[in-house]
């Protein structure tokens, strides 16, 4: 009946020429939606609360005469193939090793420069860090570990090309810096 009422309500044309919906339709439409939702909900509850069928004494697979339960043959399905995690290749290890070697050379060149303070000073790192030999060694080892960790992270997330590109840039910059350090060390007297 509510549905028939909603269908019988037709839009009318107002004084300004625009189509207007009667106010009754605006009132009945939410009630119609709620009643349909309640009807669907009641049907769902009735289906959920339906009684389960009673089990019969005869089953599809009868028990053997000995009284032991029958066992069905179990078909073993193959396990899904586990995805092999990406690992580092020889090129990856060589680039990580080159970066670690360049960090060690940077450490030795900086220590050699600090032995002659009249000619050299560290312009990038804080003086307190550079003058503390153990702290500076720990800093260099930390950068090697961070480089290795970042490289492994990128490879693990299947971004090997990004890892290699960044490692090429890192090794190139460090090689230039170390070469520049040793060139400066060789141009001044060792006294």
N, C-alpha and C. Protein backbone atom coordinates (compact mmCIF):
# COMPACT_ATOMS: atom_id res chain seq x y z
N UNK A 1 0.83 -1.18 0.00
CA UNK A 1 0.00 0.00 0.00
C UNK A 1 0.88 1.25 0.00
N UNK A 2 1.95 1.20 0.78
CA UNK A 2 2.86 2.35 0.82
C UNK A 2 3.50 2.56 -0.54
N UNK A 3 3.84 1.46 -1.19
CA UNK A 3 4.45 1.54 -2.51
C UNK A 3 3.47 2.15 -3.51
N UNK A 4 2.20 1.75 -3.43
CA UNK A 4 1.18 2.31 -4.33
C UNK A 4 1.01 3.79 -4.08
N UNK A 5 1.10 4.20 -2.85
CA UNK A 5 1.00 5.61 -2.52
C UNK A 5 2.18 6.38 -3.12
N UNK A 6 3.37 5.80 -3.03
CA UNK A 6 4.54 6.47 -3.57
C UNK A 6 4.48 6.58 -5.09
N UNK A 7 3.94 5.56 -5.75
CA UNK A 7 3.86 5.60 -7.20
C UNK A 7 2.82 6.61 -7.65
N UNK A 8 1.73 6.72 -6.90
CA UNK A 8 0.66 7.65 -7.30
C UNK A 8 1.06 9.11 -7.12
N UNK A 9 2.09 9.37 -6.37
CA UNK A 9 2.53 10.75 -6.17
C UNK A 9 3.41 11.14 -7.34
N UNK A 10 2.95 12.07 -8.12
CA UNK A 10 3.68 12.51 -9.31
C UNK A 10 4.22 13.92 -9.08
N UNK A 11 5.40 14.21 -9.64
CA UNK A 11 5.90 15.58 -9.53
C UNK A 11 4.97 16.55 -10.23
N UNK A 12 4.88 17.75 -9.70
CA UNK A 12 4.03 18.78 -10.30
C UNK A 12 4.88 19.94 -10.73
N UNK A 13 4.31 20.74 -11.60
CA UNK A 13 5.06 21.89 -12.10
C UNK A 13 4.69 23.09 -11.24
N UNK A 14 5.73 23.77 -10.75
CA UNK A 14 5.52 24.92 -9.90
C UNK A 14 5.24 26.17 -10.70
N UNK A 15 5.06 27.32 -10.01
CA UNK A 15 4.76 28.60 -10.66
C UNK A 15 5.91 29.09 -11.52
N UNK A 16 7.14 28.72 -11.11
CA UNK A 16 8.31 29.17 -11.87
C UNK A 16 8.65 28.24 -13.03
N UNK A 17 7.87 27.19 -13.27
CA UNK A 17 8.09 26.29 -14.40
C UNK A 17 8.95 25.09 -14.04
N UNK A 18 9.47 25.02 -12.85
CA UNK A 18 10.31 23.90 -12.44
C UNK A 18 9.45 22.79 -11.87
N UNK A 19 9.94 21.56 -12.01
CA UNK A 19 9.22 20.41 -11.48
C UNK A 19 9.43 20.35 -9.97
N UNK A 20 8.38 20.15 -9.24
CA UNK A 20 8.44 20.08 -7.79
C UNK A 20 7.96 18.71 -7.32
N UNK A 21 8.60 18.16 -6.30
CA UNK A 21 8.17 16.91 -5.70
C UNK A 21 7.26 17.25 -4.54
N UNK A 22 6.10 16.61 -4.46
CA UNK A 22 5.20 16.91 -3.33
C UNK A 22 5.86 16.56 -2.00
N UNK A 23 5.49 17.30 -0.98
CA UNK A 23 6.10 17.09 0.33
C UNK A 23 5.77 15.73 0.92
N UNK A 24 4.64 15.13 0.53
CA UNK A 24 4.30 13.80 1.02
C UNK A 24 5.32 12.77 0.55
N UNK A 25 5.80 12.90 -0.68
CA UNK A 25 6.79 11.95 -1.19
C UNK A 25 8.07 12.04 -0.38
N UNK A 26 8.45 13.22 0.03
CA UNK A 26 9.65 13.40 0.83
C UNK A 26 9.49 12.74 2.19
N UNK A 27 8.26 12.73 2.72
CA UNK A 27 8.01 12.09 4.00
C UNK A 27 7.92 10.57 3.88
N UNK A 28 7.29 10.08 2.82
CA UNK A 28 7.08 8.65 2.68
C UNK A 28 8.30 7.88 2.17
N UNK A 29 9.18 8.53 1.46
CA UNK A 29 10.33 7.83 0.88
C UNK A 29 11.24 7.21 1.95
N UNK A 30 11.63 7.92 3.02
CA UNK A 30 12.44 7.27 4.06
C UNK A 30 11.70 6.12 4.74
N UNK A 31 10.38 6.27 4.93
CA UNK A 31 9.62 5.19 5.56
C UNK A 31 9.59 3.97 4.64
N UNK A 32 9.49 4.18 3.35
CA UNK A 32 9.50 3.08 2.40
C UNK A 32 10.84 2.34 2.43
N UNK A 33 11.92 3.08 2.45
CA UNK A 33 13.25 2.47 2.49
C UNK A 33 13.43 1.67 3.78
N UNK A 34 13.01 2.21 4.89
CA UNK A 34 13.14 1.50 6.17
C UNK A 34 12.28 0.25 6.21
N UNK A 35 11.07 0.30 5.63
CA UNK A 35 10.22 -0.90 5.65
C UNK A 35 10.79 -1.99 4.76
N UNK A 36 11.38 -1.63 3.63
CA UNK A 36 12.00 -2.64 2.77
C UNK A 36 13.20 -3.25 3.48
N UNK A 37 13.99 -2.42 4.13
CA UNK A 37 15.16 -2.93 4.85
C UNK A 37 14.74 -3.85 5.99
N UNK A 38 13.66 -3.52 6.69
CA UNK A 38 13.19 -4.35 7.80
C UNK A 38 12.67 -5.69 7.28
N UNK A 39 11.99 -5.67 6.14
CA UNK A 39 11.49 -6.91 5.56
C UNK A 39 12.64 -7.82 5.16
N UNK A 40 13.66 -7.25 4.51
CA UNK A 40 14.83 -8.05 4.13
C UNK A 40 15.55 -8.58 5.35
N UNK A 41 15.65 -7.77 6.39
CA UNK A 41 16.32 -8.20 7.60
C UNK A 41 15.56 -9.34 8.27
N UNK A 42 14.25 -9.27 8.27
CA UNK A 42 13.44 -10.32 8.90
C UNK A 42 13.58 -11.62 8.13
N UNK A 43 13.66 -11.55 6.82
CA UNK A 43 13.84 -12.77 6.03
C UNK A 43 15.21 -13.38 6.30
N UNK A 44 16.24 -12.56 6.43
CA UNK A 44 17.57 -13.06 6.71
C UNK A 44 17.61 -13.74 8.07
N UNK A 45 16.99 -13.13 9.07
CA UNK A 45 16.96 -13.72 10.40
C UNK A 45 16.21 -15.04 10.37
N UNK A 46 15.14 -15.12 9.61
CA UNK A 46 14.37 -16.36 9.52
C UNK A 46 15.21 -17.46 8.89
N UNK A 47 16.01 -17.12 7.90
CA UNK A 47 16.87 -18.11 7.27
C UNK A 47 17.98 -18.56 8.20
N UNK A 48 18.52 -17.65 8.96
CA UNK A 48 19.61 -17.98 9.88
C UNK A 48 19.10 -18.84 11.03
N UNK A 49 17.91 -18.55 11.52
CA UNK A 49 17.36 -19.28 12.66
C UNK A 49 16.65 -20.57 12.26
N UNK A 50 16.69 -20.94 10.99
CA UNK A 50 16.03 -22.17 10.54
C UNK A 50 16.69 -23.37 11.20
N UNK A 51 15.89 -24.41 11.55
CA UNK A 51 16.49 -25.58 12.19
C UNK A 51 17.36 -26.37 11.21
N UNK A 52 18.37 -27.00 11.77
CA UNK A 52 19.26 -27.82 10.96
C UNK A 52 18.60 -29.15 10.66
N UNK A 53 18.89 -29.75 9.52
CA UNK A 53 18.28 -31.05 9.22
C UNK A 53 18.80 -32.11 10.18
N UNK A 54 17.95 -33.06 10.50
CA UNK A 54 18.32 -34.13 11.42
C UNK A 54 19.19 -35.12 10.67
N UNK A 55 20.26 -35.53 11.33
CA UNK A 55 21.16 -36.48 10.69
C UNK A 55 20.51 -37.85 10.65
N UNK A 56 20.68 -38.52 9.56
CA UNK A 56 20.12 -39.86 9.45
C UNK A 56 21.16 -40.89 9.87
N UNK A 57 20.69 -42.05 10.20
CA UNK A 57 21.62 -43.08 10.65
C UNK A 57 22.43 -43.64 9.50
N UNK A 58 21.92 -43.58 8.30
CA UNK A 58 22.70 -44.09 7.16
C UNK A 58 23.49 -42.93 6.56
N UNK A 59 24.75 -43.16 6.37
CA UNK A 59 25.60 -42.13 5.81
C UNK A 59 25.99 -42.51 4.40
N UNK A 60 26.59 -41.61 3.72
CA UNK A 60 27.03 -41.86 2.35
C UNK A 60 28.12 -42.91 2.34
N UNK A 61 28.98 -42.89 3.34
CA UNK A 61 30.07 -43.85 3.44
C UNK A 61 29.77 -44.78 4.62
N UNK A 62 29.26 -45.95 4.38
CA UNK A 62 28.91 -46.84 5.49
C UNK A 62 30.15 -47.33 6.21
N UNK A 63 29.97 -47.61 7.49
CA UNK A 63 31.08 -48.13 8.27
C UNK A 63 31.32 -49.59 7.92
N UNK A 64 32.58 -50.01 7.97
CA UNK A 64 32.86 -51.41 7.68
C UNK A 64 32.28 -52.32 8.77
N UNK A 65 32.22 -53.58 8.48
CA UNK A 65 31.60 -54.55 9.38
C UNK A 65 32.35 -54.67 10.70
N UNK A 66 33.62 -54.41 10.75
CA UNK A 66 34.42 -54.59 11.95
C UNK A 66 34.11 -53.57 13.03
N UNK A 67 33.35 -52.56 12.75
CA UNK A 67 33.02 -51.56 13.75
C UNK A 67 33.98 -50.38 13.78
N UNK A 68 35.02 -50.44 13.00
CA UNK A 68 35.94 -49.31 12.95
C UNK A 68 35.40 -48.28 11.96
N UNK A 69 35.63 -47.03 12.20
CA UNK A 69 35.09 -46.01 11.30
C UNK A 69 35.78 -46.08 9.93
N UNK A 70 35.03 -45.74 8.92
CA UNK A 70 35.58 -45.73 7.56
C UNK A 70 36.39 -44.46 7.36
N UNK A 71 37.47 -44.61 6.65
CA UNK A 71 38.30 -43.46 6.35
C UNK A 71 38.23 -43.18 4.87
N UNK A 72 38.08 -41.93 4.55
CA UNK A 72 38.04 -41.55 3.14
C UNK A 72 39.47 -41.34 2.66
N UNK A 73 39.67 -41.57 1.39
CA UNK A 73 40.97 -41.29 0.80
C UNK A 73 41.15 -39.77 0.76
N UNK A 74 42.28 -39.34 1.16
CA UNK A 74 42.57 -37.91 1.19
C UNK A 74 43.45 -37.58 0.02
N UNK A 75 43.01 -36.64 -0.76
CA UNK A 75 43.82 -36.21 -1.89
C UNK A 75 44.72 -35.08 -1.42
N UNK A 76 45.99 -35.28 -1.58
CA UNK A 76 46.94 -34.25 -1.15
C UNK A 76 47.13 -33.25 -2.28
N UNK A 77 46.86 -32.02 -1.96
CA UNK A 77 47.05 -30.95 -2.94
C UNK A 77 48.46 -30.42 -2.80
N UNK A 78 49.07 -30.04 -3.89
CA UNK A 78 50.42 -29.49 -3.78
C UNK A 78 50.38 -28.14 -3.06
N UNK A 79 51.38 -27.92 -2.25
CA UNK A 79 51.47 -26.65 -1.53
C UNK A 79 51.82 -25.55 -2.51
N UNK A 80 51.34 -24.35 -2.26
CA UNK A 80 51.70 -23.27 -3.17
C UNK A 80 53.20 -23.02 -3.10
N UNK A 81 53.76 -22.69 -4.23
CA UNK A 81 55.20 -22.46 -4.29
C UNK A 81 55.55 -21.24 -3.45
N UNK A 82 56.49 -21.42 -2.54
CA UNK A 82 56.91 -20.28 -1.74
C UNK A 82 57.81 -19.40 -2.59
N UNK A 83 57.61 -18.15 -2.43
CA UNK A 83 58.36 -17.20 -3.23
C UNK A 83 59.77 -17.06 -2.66
N UNK A 84 60.75 -17.20 -3.50
CA UNK A 84 62.14 -17.09 -3.05
C UNK A 84 62.46 -15.62 -2.82
N UNK A 85 62.98 -15.36 -1.64
CA UNK A 85 63.34 -13.98 -1.31
C UNK A 85 64.59 -13.59 -2.10
N UNK A 86 64.61 -12.36 -2.57
CA UNK A 86 65.78 -11.94 -3.34
C UNK A 86 67.02 -11.87 -2.46
N UNK A 87 68.13 -12.25 -3.03
CA UNK A 87 69.39 -12.21 -2.29
C UNK A 87 70.38 -11.34 -3.05
N UNK A 88 71.48 -11.05 -2.40
CA UNK A 88 72.50 -10.21 -3.02
C UNK A 88 73.36 -11.05 -3.97
N UNK A 89 73.65 -10.48 -5.11
CA UNK A 89 74.48 -11.15 -6.10
C UNK A 89 75.93 -10.67 -5.95
N UNK A 90 76.81 -11.21 -6.78
CA UNK A 90 78.23 -10.86 -6.70
C UNK A 90 78.45 -9.36 -6.97
N UNK A 91 77.72 -8.80 -7.92
CA UNK A 91 77.86 -7.36 -8.20
C UNK A 91 77.42 -6.53 -7.01
N UNK A 92 76.36 -6.97 -6.36
CA UNK A 92 75.88 -6.24 -5.17
C UNK A 92 76.93 -6.26 -4.07
N UNK A 93 77.51 -7.44 -3.80
CA UNK A 93 78.54 -7.54 -2.76
C UNK A 93 79.77 -6.72 -3.13
N UNK A 94 80.13 -6.70 -4.41
CA UNK A 94 81.33 -5.93 -4.80
C UNK A 94 81.10 -4.43 -4.60
N UNK A 95 79.90 -3.95 -4.87
CA UNK A 95 79.62 -2.52 -4.66
C UNK A 95 79.57 -2.18 -3.18
N UNK A 96 79.01 -3.05 -2.37
CA UNK A 96 79.01 -2.81 -0.93
C UNK A 96 80.43 -2.85 -0.39
N UNK A 97 81.23 -3.79 -0.88
CA UNK A 97 82.64 -3.87 -0.47
C UNK A 97 83.43 -2.65 -0.90
N UNK A 98 83.15 -2.14 -2.11
CA UNK A 98 83.84 -0.93 -2.58
C UNK A 98 83.48 0.26 -1.70
N UNK A 99 82.21 0.37 -1.33
CA UNK A 99 81.80 1.47 -0.45
C UNK A 99 82.46 1.36 0.92
N UNK A 100 82.57 0.15 1.45
CA UNK A 100 83.21 -0.04 2.76
C UNK A 100 84.71 0.29 2.67
N UNK A 101 85.36 -0.12 1.58
CA UNK A 101 86.78 0.17 1.39
C UNK A 101 87.01 1.67 1.27
N UNK A 102 86.14 2.35 0.55
CA UNK A 102 86.29 3.80 0.40
C UNK A 102 86.07 4.50 1.74
N UNK A 103 85.19 3.99 2.56
CA UNK A 103 84.99 4.58 3.89
C UNK A 103 86.25 4.39 4.75
N UNK A 104 86.88 3.22 4.65
CA UNK A 104 88.12 2.98 5.40
C UNK A 104 89.23 3.92 4.89
N UNK A 105 89.31 4.12 3.58
CA UNK A 105 90.31 5.05 3.03
C UNK A 105 90.01 6.49 3.44
N UNK A 106 88.76 6.84 3.53
CA UNK A 106 88.39 8.17 4.00
C UNK A 106 88.83 8.36 5.45
N UNK A 107 88.65 7.32 6.25
CA UNK A 107 89.08 7.39 7.65
C UNK A 107 90.60 7.61 7.73
N UNK A 108 91.37 6.81 6.98
CA UNK A 108 92.84 6.94 7.04
C UNK A 108 93.32 8.28 6.49
N UNK A 109 92.69 8.78 5.43
CA UNK A 109 93.10 10.07 4.88
C UNK A 109 92.78 11.20 5.85
N UNK A 110 91.66 11.13 6.53
CA UNK A 110 91.31 12.16 7.50
C UNK A 110 92.25 12.10 8.70
N UNK A 111 92.58 10.91 9.16
CA UNK A 111 93.54 10.78 10.28
C UNK A 111 94.92 11.30 9.88
N UNK A 112 95.34 11.05 8.64
CA UNK A 112 96.63 11.57 8.17
C UNK A 112 96.60 13.09 8.09
N UNK A 113 95.48 13.64 7.68
CA UNK A 113 95.36 15.09 7.60
C UNK A 113 95.34 15.71 9.00
N UNK A 114 94.73 15.03 9.96
CA UNK A 114 94.69 15.56 11.33
C UNK A 114 96.07 15.52 11.99
N UNK A 115 96.96 14.70 11.49
CA UNK A 115 98.32 14.66 12.03
C UNK A 115 99.08 15.93 11.66
N UNK A 116 98.65 16.66 10.65
CA UNK A 116 99.27 17.92 10.21
C UNK A 116 98.25 19.05 10.26
N UNK A 117 97.89 19.51 11.44
CA UNK A 117 96.83 20.52 11.55
C UNK A 117 97.23 21.87 10.96
N UNK A 118 98.53 22.12 10.76
CA UNK A 118 98.91 23.40 10.18
C UNK A 118 98.51 23.49 8.70
N UNK A 119 98.33 22.35 8.04
CA UNK A 119 97.98 22.36 6.62
C UNK A 119 96.52 22.01 6.35
N UNK A 120 95.92 21.18 7.19
CA UNK A 120 94.58 20.64 6.89
C UNK A 120 93.63 20.86 8.06
N UNK A 121 92.37 20.94 7.71
CA UNK A 121 91.29 20.93 8.71
C UNK A 121 90.06 20.27 8.08
N UNK A 122 89.25 19.65 8.90
CA UNK A 122 88.03 18.99 8.42
C UNK A 122 86.96 20.05 8.27
N UNK A 123 86.39 20.16 7.09
CA UNK A 123 85.39 21.21 6.84
C UNK A 123 83.96 20.68 6.82
N UNK A 124 83.78 19.36 6.79
CA UNK A 124 82.43 18.81 6.67
C UNK A 124 81.90 18.32 8.02
N UNK A 125 82.68 17.50 8.70
CA UNK A 125 82.25 16.89 9.96
C UNK A 125 82.61 17.78 11.15
N UNK A 126 81.91 17.63 12.26
CA UNK A 126 82.25 18.42 13.46
C UNK A 126 83.65 18.06 13.97
N UNK A 127 84.34 19.07 14.49
CA UNK A 127 85.71 18.89 14.96
C UNK A 127 85.79 17.90 16.13
N UNK A 128 84.79 17.92 17.01
CA UNK A 128 84.78 17.02 18.16
C UNK A 128 84.69 15.56 17.71
N UNK A 129 83.96 15.29 16.65
CA UNK A 129 83.85 13.92 16.13
C UNK A 129 85.15 13.47 15.47
N UNK A 130 85.74 14.34 14.69
CA UNK A 130 86.94 13.98 13.93
C UNK A 130 88.15 13.80 14.85
N UNK A 131 88.24 14.59 15.89
CA UNK A 131 89.39 14.49 16.79
C UNK A 131 89.29 13.29 17.73
N UNK A 132 88.12 12.74 17.92
CA UNK A 132 87.94 11.54 18.73
C UNK A 132 88.09 10.33 17.79
N UNK A 133 89.24 9.67 17.85
CA UNK A 133 89.54 8.62 16.89
C UNK A 133 88.55 7.45 16.98
N UNK A 134 88.21 7.03 18.20
CA UNK A 134 87.25 5.92 18.36
C UNK A 134 85.86 6.33 17.88
N UNK A 135 85.45 7.53 18.20
CA UNK A 135 84.15 8.02 17.75
C UNK A 135 84.09 8.15 16.23
N UNK A 136 85.20 8.62 15.64
CA UNK A 136 85.24 8.76 14.19
C UNK A 136 85.22 7.40 13.50
N UNK A 137 85.91 6.42 14.08
CA UNK A 137 85.89 5.05 13.53
C UNK A 137 84.49 4.46 13.65
N UNK A 138 83.83 4.71 14.76
CA UNK A 138 82.46 4.22 14.93
C UNK A 138 81.51 4.90 13.93
N UNK A 139 81.73 6.18 13.67
CA UNK A 139 80.92 6.89 12.68
C UNK A 139 81.09 6.27 11.30
N UNK A 140 82.34 5.99 10.92
CA UNK A 140 82.60 5.40 9.60
C UNK A 140 81.99 3.99 9.52
N UNK A 141 82.13 3.20 10.59
CA UNK A 141 81.53 1.86 10.60
C UNK A 141 80.01 1.94 10.55
N UNK A 142 79.45 2.93 11.20
CA UNK A 142 78.00 3.12 11.16
C UNK A 142 77.50 3.48 9.77
N UNK A 143 78.26 4.30 9.05
CA UNK A 143 77.84 4.63 7.68
C UNK A 143 77.93 3.41 6.77
N UNK A 144 78.93 2.55 7.00
CA UNK A 144 79.02 1.31 6.22
C UNK A 144 77.83 0.41 6.53
N UNK A 145 77.48 0.27 7.80
CA UNK A 145 76.34 -0.56 8.19
C UNK A 145 75.03 0.01 7.65
N UNK A 146 74.88 1.32 7.69
CA UNK A 146 73.68 1.96 7.17
C UNK A 146 73.58 1.77 5.66
N UNK A 147 74.70 1.88 4.96
CA UNK A 147 74.72 1.67 3.52
C UNK A 147 74.30 0.23 3.20
N UNK A 148 74.86 -0.73 3.93
CA UNK A 148 74.52 -2.13 3.72
C UNK A 148 73.03 -2.37 4.01
N UNK A 149 72.53 -1.83 5.10
CA UNK A 149 71.13 -2.02 5.46
C UNK A 149 70.17 -1.42 4.44
N UNK A 150 70.49 -0.23 3.96
CA UNK A 150 69.63 0.41 2.95
C UNK A 150 69.65 -0.39 1.65
N UNK A 151 70.82 -0.89 1.28
CA UNK A 151 70.93 -1.68 0.06
C UNK A 151 70.12 -2.97 0.19
N UNK A 152 70.26 -3.66 1.32
CA UNK A 152 69.49 -4.88 1.55
C UNK A 152 67.98 -4.62 1.55
N UNK A 153 67.59 -3.52 2.15
CA UNK A 153 66.17 -3.16 2.20
C UNK A 153 65.60 -2.97 0.80
N UNK A 154 66.33 -2.25 -0.04
CA UNK A 154 65.85 -2.02 -1.40
C UNK A 154 65.80 -3.32 -2.20
N UNK A 155 66.80 -4.17 -2.03
CA UNK A 155 66.80 -5.45 -2.75
C UNK A 155 65.67 -6.33 -2.25
N UNK A 156 65.44 -6.34 -0.96
CA UNK A 156 64.37 -7.16 -0.37
C UNK A 156 63.01 -6.75 -0.91
N UNK A 157 62.82 -5.46 -1.15
CA UNK A 157 61.55 -4.95 -1.67
C UNK A 157 61.55 -4.88 -3.20
N UNK A 158 62.41 -5.65 -3.81
CA UNK A 158 62.48 -5.81 -5.26
C UNK A 158 62.75 -4.49 -5.99
N UNK A 159 63.63 -3.70 -5.43
CA UNK A 159 64.06 -2.45 -6.05
C UNK A 159 65.56 -2.50 -6.29
N UNK A 160 66.03 -3.61 -6.86
CA UNK A 160 67.45 -3.81 -7.07
C UNK A 160 68.06 -2.75 -7.98
N UNK A 161 67.34 -2.34 -9.02
CA UNK A 161 67.88 -1.33 -9.93
C UNK A 161 68.07 0.01 -9.22
N UNK A 162 67.14 0.37 -8.34
CA UNK A 162 67.29 1.60 -7.56
C UNK A 162 68.46 1.47 -6.58
N UNK A 163 68.60 0.30 -5.98
CA UNK A 163 69.71 0.08 -5.04
C UNK A 163 71.05 0.20 -5.76
N UNK A 164 71.14 -0.40 -6.94
CA UNK A 164 72.40 -0.33 -7.68
C UNK A 164 72.69 1.08 -8.17
N UNK A 165 71.68 1.79 -8.64
CA UNK A 165 71.90 3.16 -9.12
C UNK A 165 72.37 4.06 -7.98
N UNK A 166 71.74 3.93 -6.82
CA UNK A 166 72.16 4.76 -5.69
C UNK A 166 73.56 4.36 -5.21
N UNK A 167 73.87 3.07 -5.29
CA UNK A 167 75.20 2.61 -4.86
C UNK A 167 76.27 3.10 -5.83
N UNK A 168 75.97 3.12 -7.14
CA UNK A 168 76.92 3.65 -8.12
C UNK A 168 77.23 5.11 -7.80
N UNK A 169 76.17 5.89 -7.51
CA UNK A 169 76.37 7.30 -7.19
C UNK A 169 77.17 7.46 -5.89
N UNK A 170 76.86 6.65 -4.88
CA UNK A 170 77.54 6.73 -3.59
C UNK A 170 79.03 6.40 -3.74
N UNK A 171 79.33 5.31 -4.45
CA UNK A 171 80.72 4.90 -4.64
C UNK A 171 81.46 5.95 -5.46
N UNK A 172 80.81 6.51 -6.48
CA UNK A 172 81.45 7.55 -7.29
C UNK A 172 81.79 8.79 -6.48
N UNK A 173 80.86 9.25 -5.66
CA UNK A 173 81.11 10.44 -4.84
C UNK A 173 82.21 10.17 -3.82
N UNK A 174 82.15 9.00 -3.17
CA UNK A 174 83.18 8.68 -2.18
C UNK A 174 84.56 8.51 -2.83
N UNK A 175 84.62 7.91 -4.03
CA UNK A 175 85.90 7.74 -4.72
C UNK A 175 86.50 9.10 -5.08
N UNK A 176 85.66 10.02 -5.52
CA UNK A 176 86.15 11.37 -5.82
C UNK A 176 86.68 12.03 -4.56
N UNK A 177 85.95 11.93 -3.47
CA UNK A 177 86.37 12.57 -2.22
C UNK A 177 87.67 11.98 -1.68
N UNK A 178 87.79 10.66 -1.71
CA UNK A 178 89.00 10.01 -1.21
C UNK A 178 90.20 10.35 -2.09
N UNK A 179 90.00 10.36 -3.41
CA UNK A 179 91.09 10.73 -4.33
C UNK A 179 91.52 12.17 -4.09
N UNK A 180 90.55 13.04 -3.86
CA UNK A 180 90.87 14.45 -3.57
C UNK A 180 91.65 14.57 -2.25
N UNK A 181 91.24 13.80 -1.24
CA UNK A 181 91.95 13.83 0.05
C UNK A 181 93.40 13.39 -0.12
N UNK A 182 93.62 12.29 -0.80
CA UNK A 182 94.99 11.79 -0.97
C UNK A 182 95.82 12.69 -1.88
N UNK A 183 95.19 13.35 -2.83
CA UNK A 183 95.91 14.31 -3.67
C UNK A 183 96.37 15.49 -2.84
N UNK A 184 95.52 15.97 -1.96
CA UNK A 184 95.92 17.07 -1.08
C UNK A 184 97.03 16.63 -0.13
N UNK A 185 96.94 15.42 0.39
CA UNK A 185 97.98 14.92 1.31
C UNK A 185 99.33 14.81 0.61
N UNK A 186 99.35 14.44 -0.65
CA UNK A 186 100.61 14.28 -1.36
C UNK A 186 101.20 15.60 -1.81
N UNK A 187 100.42 16.65 -1.87
CA UNK A 187 100.95 17.94 -2.36
C UNK A 187 101.64 18.75 -1.25
N UNK A 188 101.50 18.37 0.02
CA UNK A 188 102.13 19.12 1.10
C UNK A 188 103.28 18.30 1.67
N UNK A 189 104.27 18.98 2.23
CA UNK A 189 105.42 18.25 2.80
C UNK A 189 104.97 17.40 4.00
N UNK A 190 105.65 16.31 4.21
CA UNK A 190 105.28 15.40 5.30
C UNK A 190 105.87 15.82 6.61
N UNK A 191 106.59 16.89 6.71
CA UNK A 191 107.21 17.34 7.96
C UNK A 191 106.20 17.93 8.87
